[in-house]
Amino acid sequence: MSRKAVRRAFPIEWEVDITEACDGKQALAAVESGKAEVLFLDLTMPELDGFGVLKYLHEHHTKTVVIVISADIQPEAKRLVDSLGAFRFLQKPLQSEQLREVLFEVGLI
């Protein structure tokens, strides 16, 4: 459901190829294979959570733009996400206009 909600929030004019991952390990595999210029990341995932994905990306100096989308809005979670290099932290449920603004900031639309 979460991945469908994110896809529905994409601006119509944003023409992208989408690769989905069911867990953090699949997300990192997509990054490593060059399929993740932008990564929409939930913090709660099986196998490897979003914090683990962010830590890996932070340590390996990847250029992937990470946008965290999570219901976990605790201040400590936000601080950790920021310290690990996420571009933005968006709260669920994701709003289309909010996503549009972030994509505009990144220069993708």
PDB file of N, CA and C in Angstrom:
ATOM      1  N   MET A   1       0.815  -1.199   0.000  1.00  0.00           N
ATOM      2  CA  MET A   1       0.000   0.000   0.000  1.00  0.00           C
ATOM      3  C   MET A   1       0.857   1.262   0.000  1.00  0.00           C
ATOM      4  N   SER A   2       1.937   1.253   0.765  1.00  0.00           N
ATOM      5  CA  SER A   2       2.779   2.448   0.841  1.00  0.00           C
ATOM      6  C   SER A   2       3.406   2.781  -0.498  1.00  0.00           C
ATOM      7  N   ARG A   3       3.902   1.759  -1.212  1.00  0.00           N
ATOM      8  CA  ARG A   3       4.521   2.026  -2.519  1.00  0.00           C
ATOM      9  C   ARG A   3       3.490   2.545  -3.504  1.00  0.00           C
ATOM     10  N   LYS A   4       2.280   2.032  -3.456  1.00  0.00           N
ATOM     11  CA  LYS A   4       1.219   2.521  -4.349  1.00  0.00           C
ATOM     12  C   LYS A   4       0.895   3.975  -4.041  1.00  0.00           C
ATOM     13  N   ALA A   5       0.840   4.320  -2.774  1.00  0.00           N
ATOM     14  CA  ALA A   5       0.536   5.701  -2.384  1.00  0.00           C
ATOM     15  C   ALA A   5       1.611   6.653  -2.875  1.00  0.00           C
ATOM     16  N   VAL A   6       2.863   6.246  -2.810  1.00  0.00           N
ATOM     17  CA  VAL A   6       3.954   7.097  -3.301  1.00  0.00           C
ATOM     18  C   VAL A   6       3.831   7.275  -4.810  1.00  0.00           C
ATOM     19  N   ARG A   7       3.594   6.187  -5.534  1.00  0.00           N
ATOM     20  CA  ARG A   7       3.447   6.293  -6.997  1.00  0.00           C
ATOM     21  C   ARG A   7       2.294   7.221  -7.370  1.00  0.00           C
ATOM     22  N   ARG A   8       1.191   7.132  -6.640  1.00  0.00           N
ATOM     23  CA  ARG A   8       0.037   7.999  -6.935  1.00  0.00           C
ATOM     24  C   ARG A   8       0.360   9.465  -6.684  1.00  0.00           C
ATOM     25  N   ALA A   9       1.283   9.738  -5.789  1.00  0.00           N
ATOM     26  CA  ALA A   9       1.637  11.123  -5.460  1.00  0.00           C
ATOM     27  C   ALA A   9       2.606  11.743  -6.461  1.00  0.00           C
ATOM     28  N   PHE A  10       3.219  10.938  -7.335  1.00  0.00           N
ATOM     29  CA  PHE A  10       4.153  11.477  -8.324  1.00  0.00           C
ATOM     30  C   PHE A  10       3.444  12.459  -9.248  1.00  0.00           C
ATOM     31  N   PRO A  11       4.089  13.581  -9.549  1.00  0.00           N
ATOM     32  CA  PRO A  11       3.522  14.517 -10.522  1.00  0.00           C
ATOM     33  C   PRO A  11       3.386  13.836 -11.893  1.00  0.00           C
ATOM     34  N   ILE A  12       2.324  14.135 -12.580  1.00  0.00           N
ATOM     35  CA  ILE A  12       2.043  13.524 -13.881  1.00  0.00           C
ATOM     36  C   ILE A  12       3.173  13.787 -14.872  1.00  0.00           C
ATOM     37  N   GLU A  13       3.740  14.990 -14.829  1.00  0.00           N
ATOM     38  CA  GLU A  13       4.773  15.356 -15.803  1.00  0.00           C
ATOM     39  C   GLU A  13       6.145  14.750 -15.486  1.00  0.00           C
ATOM     40  N   TRP A  14       6.287  14.120 -14.342  1.00  0.00           N
ATOM     41  CA  TRP A  14       7.572  13.526 -13.963  1.00  0.00           C
ATOM     42  C   TRP A  14       7.666  12.139 -14.578  1.00  0.00           C
ATOM     43  N   GLU A  15       8.374  12.058 -15.690  1.00  0.00           N
ATOM     44  CA  GLU A  15       8.507  10.801 -16.407  1.00  0.00           C
ATOM     45  C   GLU A  15       9.748  10.078 -15.907  1.00  0.00           C
ATOM     46  N   VAL A  16       9.511   8.987 -15.173  1.00  0.00           N
ATOM     47  CA  VAL A  16      10.615   8.236 -14.578  1.00  0.00           C
ATOM     48  C   VAL A  16      10.377   6.742 -14.733  1.00  0.00           C
ATOM     49  N   ASP A  17      11.460   6.010 -14.705  1.00  0.00           N
ATOM     50  CA  ASP A  17      11.374   4.563 -14.601  1.00  0.00           C
ATOM     51  C   ASP A  17      11.374   4.242 -13.116  1.00  0.00           C
ATOM     52  N   ILE A  18      10.456   3.400 -12.701  1.00  0.00           N
ATOM     53  CA  ILE A  18      10.310   3.079 -11.284  1.00  0.00           C
ATOM     54  C   ILE A  18      10.797   1.658 -11.019  1.00  0.00           C
ATOM     55  N   THR A  19      11.631   1.541 -10.027  1.00  0.00           N
ATOM     56  CA  THR A  19      12.058   0.240  -9.528  1.00  0.00           C
ATOM     57  C   THR A  19      11.593   0.162  -8.084  1.00  0.00           C
ATOM     58  N   GLU A  20      10.877  -0.891  -7.748  1.00  0.00           N
ATOM     59  CA  GLU A  20      10.385  -1.047  -6.389  1.00  0.00           C
ATOM     60  C   GLU A  20      11.205  -2.082  -5.642  1.00  0.00           C
ATOM     61  N   ALA A  21      11.269  -1.898  -4.329  1.00  0.00           N
ATOM     62  CA  ALA A  21      11.966  -2.841  -3.455  1.00  0.00           C
ATOM     63  C   ALA A  21      11.049  -3.175  -2.288  1.00  0.00           C
ATOM     64  N   CYS A  22      11.060  -4.431  -1.903  1.00  0.00           N
ATOM     65  CA  CYS A  22      10.221  -4.897  -0.790  1.00  0.00           C
ATOM     66  C   CYS A  22      10.902  -4.745   0.558  1.00  0.00           C
ATOM     67  N   ASP A  23      12.205  -4.555   0.552  1.00  0.00           N
ATOM     68  CA  ASP A  23      12.940  -4.427   1.804  1.00  0.00           C
ATOM     69  C   ASP A  23      14.219  -3.625   1.567  1.00  0.00           C
ATOM     70  N   GLY A  24      14.938  -3.371   2.646  1.00  0.00           N
ATOM     71  CA  GLY A  24      16.143  -2.563   2.554  1.00  0.00           C
ATOM     72  C   GLY A  24      17.249  -3.179   1.718  1.00  0.00           C
ATOM     73  N   LYS A  25      17.377  -4.493   1.765  1.00  0.00           N
ATOM     74  CA  LYS A  25      18.406  -5.150   0.959  1.00  0.00           C
ATOM     75  C   LYS A  25      18.127  -4.982  -0.526  1.00  0.00           C
ATOM     76  N   GLN A  26      16.867  -5.116  -0.923  1.00  0.00           N
ATOM     77  CA  GLN A  26      16.515  -4.904  -2.333  1.00  0.00           C
ATOM     78  C   GLN A  26      16.735  -3.443  -2.727  1.00  0.00           C
ATOM     79  N   ALA A  27      16.465  -2.529  -1.811  1.00  0.00           N
ATOM     80  CA  ALA A  27      16.684  -1.106  -2.102  1.00  0.00           C
ATOM     81  C   ALA A  27      18.162  -0.838  -2.372  1.00  0.00           C
ATOM     82  N   LEU A  28      19.035  -1.404  -1.542  1.00  0.00           N
ATOM     83  CA  LEU A  28      20.473  -1.212  -1.760  1.00  0.00           C
ATOM     84  C   LEU A  28      20.937  -1.881  -3.047  1.00  0.00           C
ATOM     85  N   ALA A  29      20.354  -3.012  -3.388  1.00  0.00           N
ATOM     86  CA  ALA A  29      20.706  -3.665  -4.654  1.00  0.00           C
ATOM     87  C   ALA A  29      20.328  -2.770  -5.826  1.00  0.00           C
ATOM     88  N   ALA A  30      19.188  -2.091  -5.736  1.00  0.00           N
ATOM     89  CA  ALA A  30      18.769  -1.168  -6.798  1.00  0.00           C
ATOM     90  C   ALA A  30      19.740   0.006  -6.900  1.00  0.00           C
ATOM     91  N   VAL A  31      20.164   0.521  -5.755  1.00  0.00           N
ATOM     92  CA  VAL A  31      21.142   1.618  -5.753  1.00  0.00           C
ATOM     93  C   VAL A  31      22.441   1.159  -6.391  1.00  0.00           C
ATOM     94  N   GLU A  32      22.936   0.010  -5.971  1.00  0.00           N
ATOM     95  CA  GLU A  32      24.212  -0.508  -6.478  1.00  0.00           C
ATOM     96  C   GLU A  32      24.168  -0.785  -7.979  1.00  0.00           C
ATOM     97  N   SER A  33      22.988  -1.111  -8.503  1.00  0.00           N
ATOM     98  CA  SER A  33      22.880  -1.393  -9.935  1.00  0.00           C
ATOM     99  C   SER A  33      22.532  -0.141 -10.747  1.00  0.00           C
ATOM    100  N   GLY A  34      22.545   1.026 -10.107  1.00  0.00           N
ATOM    101  CA  GLY A  34      22.313   2.278 -10.807  1.00  0.00           C
ATOM    102  C   GLY A  34      20.860   2.592 -11.083  1.00  0.00           C
ATOM    103  N   LYS A  35      19.958   1.976 -10.359  1.00  0.00           N
ATOM    104  CA  LYS A  35      18.527   2.179 -10.603  1.00  0.00           C
ATOM    105  C   LYS A  35      17.881   3.103  -9.575  1.00  0.00           C
ATOM    106  N   ALA A  36      18.667   3.918  -8.884  1.00  0.00           N
ATOM    107  CA  ALA A  36      18.082   4.756  -7.836  1.00  0.00           C
ATOM    108  C   ALA A  36      18.741   6.121  -7.768  1.00  0.00           C
ATOM    109  N   GLU A  37      18.424   6.966  -8.721  1.00  0.00           N
ATOM    110  CA  GLU A  37      18.884   8.353  -8.648  1.00  0.00           C
ATOM    111  C   GLU A  37      18.193   9.046  -7.477  1.00  0.00           C
ATOM    112  N   VAL A  38      16.915   8.695  -7.300  1.00  0.00           N
ATOM    113  CA  VAL A  38      16.119   9.182  -6.182  1.00  0.00           C
ATOM    114  C   VAL A  38      15.563   7.951  -5.477  1.00  0.00           C
ATOM    115  N   LEU A  39      15.695   7.917  -4.163  1.00  0.00           N
ATOM    116  CA  LEU A  39      15.215   6.790  -3.378  1.00  0.00           C
ATOM    117  C   LEU A  39      14.186   7.285  -2.379  1.00  0.00           C
ATOM    118  N   PHE A  40      12.969   6.781  -2.503  1.00  0.00           N
ATOM    119  CA  PHE A  40      11.923   7.055  -1.529  1.00  0.00           C
ATOM    120  C   PHE A  40      11.994   5.930  -0.510  1.00  0.00           C
ATOM    121  N   LEU A  41      12.240   6.267   0.733  1.00  0.00           N
ATOM    122  CA  LEU A  41      12.611   5.275   1.728  1.00  0.00           C
ATOM    123  C   LEU A  41      11.704   5.341   2.944  1.00  0.00           C
ATOM    124  N   ASP A  42      11.128   4.195   3.291  1.00  0.00           N
ATOM    125  CA  ASP A  42      10.399   4.068   4.549  1.00  0.00           C
ATOM    126  C   ASP A  42      11.401   3.630   5.602  1.00  0.00           C
ATOM    127  N   LEU A  43      11.153   3.977   6.840  1.00  0.00           N
ATOM    128  CA  LEU A  43      12.068   3.577   7.901  1.00  0.00           C
ATOM    129  C   LEU A  43      11.794   2.165   8.398  1.00  0.00           C
ATOM    130  N   THR A  44      10.550   1.710   8.242  1.00  0.00           N
ATOM    131  CA  THR A  44      10.162   0.389   8.729  1.00  0.00           C
ATOM    132  C   THR A  44      10.061  -0.567   7.558  1.00  0.00           C
ATOM    133  N   MET A  45      11.050  -1.447   7.448  1.00  0.00           N
ATOM    134  CA  MET A  45      11.092  -2.438   6.373  1.00  0.00           C
ATOM    135  C   MET A  45      11.696  -3.718   6.919  1.00  0.00           C
ATOM    136  N   PRO A  46      11.362  -4.848   6.298  1.00  0.00           N
ATOM    137  CA  PRO A  46      11.993  -6.106   6.716  1.00  0.00           C
ATOM    138  C   PRO A  46      13.429  -6.204   6.188  1.00  0.00           C
ATOM    139  N   GLU A  47      14.149  -7.168   6.680  1.00  0.00           N
ATOM    140  CA  GLU A  47      15.528  -7.484   6.273  1.00  0.00           C
ATOM    141  C   GLU A  47      16.527  -6.407   6.702  1.00  0.00           C
ATOM    142  N   LEU A  48      16.325  -5.195   6.276  1.00  0.00           N
ATOM    143  CA  LEU A  48      17.200  -4.071   6.623  1.00  0.00           C
ATOM    144  C   LEU A  48      16.315  -2.838   6.663  1.00  0.00           C
ATOM    145  N   ASP A  49      16.253  -2.179   7.818  1.00  0.00           N
ATOM    146  CA  ASP A  49      15.339  -1.034   7.923  1.00  0.00           C
ATOM    147  C   ASP A  49      15.912   0.208   7.233  1.00  0.00           C
ATOM    148  N   GLY A  50      15.108   1.258   7.195  1.00  0.00           N
ATOM    149  CA  GLY A  50      15.515   2.480   6.520  1.00  0.00           C
ATOM    150  C   GLY A  50      16.743   3.135   7.128  1.00  0.00           C
ATOM    151  N   PHE A  51      16.897   3.029   8.441  1.00  0.00           N
ATOM    152  CA  PHE A  51      18.091   3.582   9.076  1.00  0.00           C
ATOM    153  C   PHE A  51      19.343   2.853   8.595  1.00  0.00           C
ATOM    154  N   GLY A  52      19.245   1.536   8.446  1.00  0.00           N
ATOM    155  CA  GLY A  52      20.372   0.751   7.946  1.00  0.00           C
ATOM    156  C   GLY A  52      20.721   1.114   6.519  1.00  0.00           C
ATOM    157  N   VAL A  53      19.706   1.345   5.697  1.00  0.00           N
ATOM    158  CA  VAL A  53      19.928   1.764   4.311  1.00  0.00           C
ATOM    159  C   VAL A  53      20.615   3.125   4.290  1.00  0.00           C
ATOM    160  N   LEU A  54      20.104   4.061   5.086  1.00  0.00           N
ATOM    161  CA  LEU A  54      20.707   5.391   5.143  1.00  0.00           C
ATOM    162  C   LEU A  54      22.158   5.326   5.621  1.00  0.00           C
ATOM    163  N   LYS A  55      22.420   4.507   6.626  1.00  0.00           N
ATOM    164  CA  LYS A  55      23.787   4.384   7.144  1.00  0.00           C
ATOM    165  C   LYS A  55      24.723   3.868   6.050  1.00  0.00           C
ATOM    166  N   TYR A  56      24.294   2.854   5.313  1.00  0.00           N
ATOM    167  CA  TYR A  56      25.113   2.320   4.228  1.00  0.00           C
ATOM    168  C   TYR A  56      25.386   3.398   3.178  1.00  0.00           C
ATOM    169  N   LEU A  57      24.335   4.092   2.758  1.00  0.00           N
ATOM    170  CA  LEU A  57      24.499   5.126   1.736  1.00  0.00           C
ATOM    171  C   LEU A  57      25.414   6.241   2.238  1.00  0.00           C
ATOM    172  N   HIS A  58      25.267   6.616   3.484  1.00  0.00           N
ATOM    173  CA  HIS A  58      26.092   7.672   4.071  1.00  0.00           C
ATOM    174  C   HIS A  58      27.574   7.270   4.083  1.00  0.00           C
ATOM    175  N   GLU A  59      27.839   6.022   4.436  1.00  0.00           N
ATOM    176  CA  GLU A  59      29.215   5.546   4.529  1.00  0.00           C
ATOM    177  C   GLU A  59      29.866   5.329   3.168  1.00  0.00           C
ATOM    178  N   HIS A  60      29.057   5.098   2.145  1.00  0.00           N
ATOM    179  CA  HIS A  60      29.620   4.815   0.828  1.00  0.00           C
ATOM    180  C   HIS A  60      29.520   5.998  -0.129  1.00  0.00           C
ATOM    181  N   HIS A  61      29.204   7.165   0.397  1.00  0.00           N
ATOM    182  CA  HIS A  61      29.236   8.415  -0.362  1.00  0.00           C
ATOM    183  C   HIS A  61      28.462   8.353  -1.680  1.00  0.00           C
ATOM    184  N   THR A  62      27.330   7.736  -1.647  1.00  0.00           N
ATOM    185  CA  THR A  62      26.533   7.657  -2.861  1.00  0.00           C
ATOM    186  C   THR A  62      25.882   9.011  -3.168  1.00  0.00           C
ATOM    187  N   LYS A  63      25.572   9.235  -4.397  1.00  0.00           N
ATOM    188  CA  LYS A  63      24.929  10.482  -4.806  1.00  0.00           C
ATOM    189  C   LYS A  63      23.412  10.343  -4.885  1.00  0.00           C
ATOM    190  N   THR A  64      22.893   9.239  -4.433  1.00  0.00           N
ATOM    191  CA  THR A  64      21.449   9.023  -4.455  1.00  0.00           C
ATOM    192  C   THR A  64      20.756  10.031  -3.555  1.00  0.00           C
ATOM    193  N   VAL A  65      19.722  10.685  -4.078  1.00  0.00           N
ATOM    194  CA  VAL A  65      18.902  11.604  -3.291  1.00  0.00           C
ATOM    195  C   VAL A  65      17.897  10.755  -2.527  1.00  0.00           C
ATOM    196  N   VAL A  66      17.945  10.826  -1.194  1.00  0.00           N
ATOM    197  CA  VAL A  66      17.049  10.017  -0.368  1.00  0.00           C
ATOM    198  C   VAL A  66      15.972  10.904   0.243  1.00  0.00           C
ATOM    199  N   ILE A  67      14.728  10.516  -0.010  1.00  0.00           N
ATOM    200  CA  ILE A  67      13.573  11.181   0.581  1.00  0.00           C
ATOM    201  C   ILE A  67      12.894  10.145   1.464  1.00  0.00           C
ATOM    202  N   VAL A  68      12.936  10.381   2.762  1.00  0.00           N
ATOM    203  CA  VAL A  68      12.325   9.465   3.712  1.00  0.00           C
ATOM    204  C   VAL A  68      10.847   9.807   3.840  1.00  0.00           C
ATOM    205  N   ILE A  69      10.027   8.775   3.755  1.00  0.00           N
ATOM    206  CA  ILE A  69       8.582   8.934   3.923  1.00  0.00           C
ATOM    207  C   ILE A  69       8.182   7.965   5.026  1.00  0.00           C
ATOM    208  N   SER A  70       7.789   8.517   6.174  1.00  0.00           N
ATOM    209  CA  SER A  70       7.540   7.658   7.324  1.00  0.00           C
ATOM    210  C   SER A  70       6.472   8.233   8.236  1.00  0.00           C
ATOM    211  N   ALA A  71       5.831   7.342   8.958  1.00  0.00           N
ATOM    212  CA  ALA A  71       4.886   7.747  10.002  1.00  0.00           C
ATOM    213  C   ALA A  71       5.620   7.997  11.314  1.00  0.00           C
ATOM    214  N   ASP A  72       6.876   7.574  11.408  1.00  0.00           N
ATOM    215  CA  ASP A  72       7.678   7.744  12.612  1.00  0.00           C
ATOM    216  C   ASP A  72       8.206   9.176  12.637  1.00  0.00           C
ATOM    217  N   ILE A  73       7.491  10.045  13.339  1.00  0.00           N
ATOM    218  CA  ILE A  73       7.847  11.463  13.333  1.00  0.00           C
ATOM    219  C   ILE A  73       8.504  11.891  14.651  1.00  0.00           C
ATOM    220  N   GLN A  74       9.029  10.934  15.383  1.00  0.00           N
ATOM    221  CA  GLN A  74       9.692  11.260  16.639  1.00  0.00           C
ATOM    222  C   GLN A  74      10.915  12.130  16.356  1.00  0.00           C
ATOM    223  N   PRO A  75      11.171  13.111  17.212  1.00  0.00           N
ATOM    224  CA  PRO A  75      12.324  13.997  16.988  1.00  0.00           C
ATOM    225  C   PRO A  75      13.643  13.250  16.815  1.00  0.00           C
ATOM    226  N   GLU A  76      13.862  12.187  17.585  1.00  0.00           N
ATOM    227  CA  GLU A  76      15.121  11.443  17.470  1.00  0.00           C
ATOM    228  C   GLU A  76      15.250  10.788  16.097  1.00  0.00           C
ATOM    229  N   ALA A  77      14.144  10.253  15.572  1.00  0.00           N
ATOM    230  CA  ALA A  77      14.172   9.646  14.236  1.00  0.00           C
ATOM    231  C   ALA A  77      14.516  10.692  13.190  1.00  0.00           C
ATOM    232  N   LYS A  78      13.922  11.870  13.308  1.00  0.00           N
ATOM    233  CA  LYS A  78      14.221  12.948  12.354  1.00  0.00           C
ATOM    234  C   LYS A  78      15.686  13.369  12.434  1.00  0.00           C
ATOM    235  N   ARG A  79      16.212  13.494  13.645  1.00  0.00           N
ATOM    236  CA  ARG A  79      17.622  13.883  13.808  1.00  0.00           C
ATOM    237  C   ARG A  79      18.545  12.841  13.179  1.00  0.00           C
ATOM    238  N   LEU A  80      18.248  11.570  13.416  1.00  0.00           N
ATOM    239  CA  LEU A  80      19.091  10.511  12.864  1.00  0.00           C
ATOM    240  C   LEU A  80      19.037  10.501  11.342  1.00  0.00           C
ATOM    241  N   VAL A  81      17.836  10.655  10.788  1.00  0.00           N
ATOM    242  CA  VAL A  81      17.666  10.697   9.332  1.00  0.00           C
ATOM    243  C   VAL A  81      18.476  11.852   8.745  1.00  0.00           C
ATOM    244  N   ASP A  82      18.396  13.007   9.373  1.00  0.00           N
ATOM    245  CA  ASP A  82      19.156  14.170   8.900  1.00  0.00           C
ATOM    246  C   ASP A  82      20.658  13.925   8.985  1.00  0.00           C
ATOM    247  N   SER A  83      21.103  13.338  10.096  1.00  0.00           N
ATOM    248  CA  SER A  83      22.536  13.116  10.282  1.00  0.00           C
ATOM    249  C   SER A  83      23.087  12.093   9.289  1.00  0.00           C
ATOM    250  N   LEU A  84      22.223  11.236   8.762  1.00  0.00           N
ATOM    251  CA  LEU A  84      22.659  10.228   7.794  1.00  0.00           C
ATOM    252  C   LEU A  84      22.498  10.696   6.349  1.00  0.00           C
ATOM    253  N   GLY A  85      22.145  11.959   6.157  1.00  0.00           N
ATOM    254  CA  GLY A  85      22.192  12.543   4.830  1.00  0.00           C
ATOM    255  C   GLY A  85      20.927  12.499   3.995  1.00  0.00           C
ATOM    256  N   ALA A  86      19.794  12.193   4.597  1.00  0.00           N
ATOM    257  CA  ALA A  86      18.553  12.232   3.808  1.00  0.00           C
ATOM    258  C   ALA A  86      18.276  13.667   3.367  1.00  0.00           C
ATOM    259  N   PHE A  87      17.765  13.818   2.153  1.00  0.00           N
ATOM    260  CA  PHE A  87      17.469  15.155   1.643  1.00  0.00           C
ATOM    261  C   PHE A  87      16.268  15.753   2.359  1.00  0.00           C
ATOM    262  N   ARG A  88      15.263  14.934   2.601  1.00  0.00           N
ATOM    263  CA  ARG A  88      14.036  15.428   3.233  1.00  0.00           C
ATOM    264  C   ARG A  88      13.351  14.290   3.970  1.00  0.00           C
ATOM    265  N   PHE A  89      12.580  14.649   4.974  1.00  0.00           N
ATOM    266  CA  PHE A  89      11.781  13.712   5.752  1.00  0.00           C
ATOM    267  C   PHE A  89      10.328  14.138   5.586  1.00  0.00           C
ATOM    268  N   LEU A  90       9.528  13.308   4.936  1.00  0.00           N
ATOM    269  CA  LEU A  90       8.112  13.606   4.719  1.00  0.00           C
ATOM    270  C   LEU A  90       7.263  12.647   5.536  1.00  0.00           C
ATOM    271  N   GLN A  91       6.214  13.193   6.115  1.00  0.00           N
ATOM    272  CA  GLN A  91       5.343  12.388   6.967  1.00  0.00           C
ATOM    273  C   GLN A  91       4.246  11.710   6.153  1.00  0.00           C
ATOM    274  N   LYS A  92       3.949  10.459   6.538  1.00  0.00           N
ATOM    275  CA  LYS A  92       2.803   9.748   5.958  1.00  0.00           C
ATOM    276  C   LYS A  92       1.544  10.284   6.601  1.00  0.00           C
ATOM    277  N   PRO A  93       0.438  10.346   5.896  1.00  0.00           N
ATOM    278  CA  PRO A  93       0.303   9.999   4.484  1.00  0.00           C
ATOM    279  C   PRO A  93       0.914  11.088   3.601  1.00  0.00           C
ATOM    280  N   LEU A  94       1.559  10.664   2.549  1.00  0.00           N
ATOM    281  CA  LEU A  94       2.241  11.562   1.634  1.00  0.00           C
ATOM    282  C   LEU A  94       1.238  12.405   0.854  1.00  0.00           C
ATOM    283  N   GLN A  95       1.496  13.698   0.801  1.00  0.00           N
ATOM    284  CA  GLN A  95       0.660  14.628   0.054  1.00  0.00           C
ATOM    285  C   GLN A  95       1.332  14.953  -1.285  1.00  0.00           C
ATOM    286  N   SER A  96       0.562  14.905  -2.366  1.00  0.00           N
ATOM    287  CA  SER A  96       1.107  15.146  -3.712  1.00  0.00           C
ATOM    288  C   SER A  96       1.815  16.490  -3.817  1.00  0.00           C
ATOM    289  N   GLU A  97       1.224  17.525  -3.283  1.00  0.00           N
ATOM    290  CA  GLU A  97       1.810  18.855  -3.403  1.00  0.00           C
ATOM    291  C   GLU A  97       3.126  18.945  -2.627  1.00  0.00           C
ATOM    292  N   GLN A  98       3.183  18.288  -1.494  1.00  0.00           N
ATOM    293  CA  GLN A  98       4.408  18.262  -0.708  1.00  0.00           C
ATOM    294  C   GLN A  98       5.527  17.574  -1.489  1.00  0.00           C
ATOM    295  N   LEU A  99       5.209  16.469  -2.133  1.00  0.00           N
ATOM    296  CA  LEU A  99       6.204  15.762  -2.938  1.00  0.00           C
ATOM    297  C   LEU A  99       6.637  16.609  -4.129  1.00  0.00           C
ATOM    298  N   ARG A 100       5.701  17.282  -4.765  1.00  0.00           N
ATOM    299  CA  ARG A 100       6.021  18.158  -5.895  1.00  0.00           C
ATOM    300  C   ARG A 100       7.038  19.220  -5.470  1.00  0.00           C
ATOM    301  N   GLU A 101       6.832  19.828  -4.315  1.00  0.00           N
ATOM    302  CA  GLU A 101       7.747  20.862  -3.825  1.00  0.00           C
ATOM    303  C   GLU A 101       9.154  20.315  -3.606  1.00  0.00           C
ATOM    304  N   VAL A 102       9.246  19.125  -3.042  1.00  0.00           N
ATOM    305  CA  VAL A 102      10.553  18.514  -2.793  1.00  0.00           C
ATOM    306  C   VAL A 102      11.250  18.193  -4.102  1.00  0.00           C
ATOM    307  N   LEU A 103      10.519  17.620  -5.055  1.00  0.00           N
ATOM    308  CA  LEU A 103      11.109  17.297  -6.358  1.00  0.00           C
ATOM    309  C   LEU A 103      11.564  18.564  -7.080  1.00  0.00           C
ATOM    310  N   PHE A 104      10.848  19.652  -6.909  1.00  0.00           N
ATOM    311  CA  PHE A 104      11.244  20.929  -7.490  1.00  0.00           C
ATOM    312  C   PHE A 104      12.539  21.422  -6.835  1.00  0.00           C
ATOM    313  N   GLU A 105      12.637  21.296  -5.497  1.00  0.00           N
ATOM    314  CA  GLU A 105      13.851  21.700  -4.779  1.00  0.00           C
ATOM    315  C   GLU A 105      15.081  20.935  -5.292  1.00  0.00           C
ATOM    316  N   VAL A 106      14.905  19.655  -5.577  1.00  0.00           N
ATOM    317  CA  VAL A 106      16.004  18.825  -6.035  1.00  0.00           C
ATOM    318  C   VAL A 106      16.344  19.125  -7.494  1.00  0.00           C
ATOM    319  N   GLY A 107      15.417  19.760  -8.218  1.00  0.00           N
ATOM    320  CA  GLY A 107      15.639  20.076  -9.611  1.00  0.00           C
ATOM    321  C   GLY A 107      15.195  18.971 -10.549  1.00  0.00           C
ATOM    322  N   LEU A 108      14.285  18.124 -10.097  1.00  0.00           N
ATOM    323  CA  LEU A 108      13.823  17.011 -10.921  1.00  0.00           C
ATOM    324  C   LEU A 108      12.566  17.323 -11.718  1.00  0.00           C
ATOM    325  N   ILE A 109      11.880  18.378 -11.355  1.00  0.00           N
ATOM    326  CA  ILE A 109      10.733  18.827 -12.157  1.00  0.00           C
ATOM    327  C   ILE A 109      10.794  20.335 -12.304  1.00  0.00           C
TER     328      ILE A 109
END
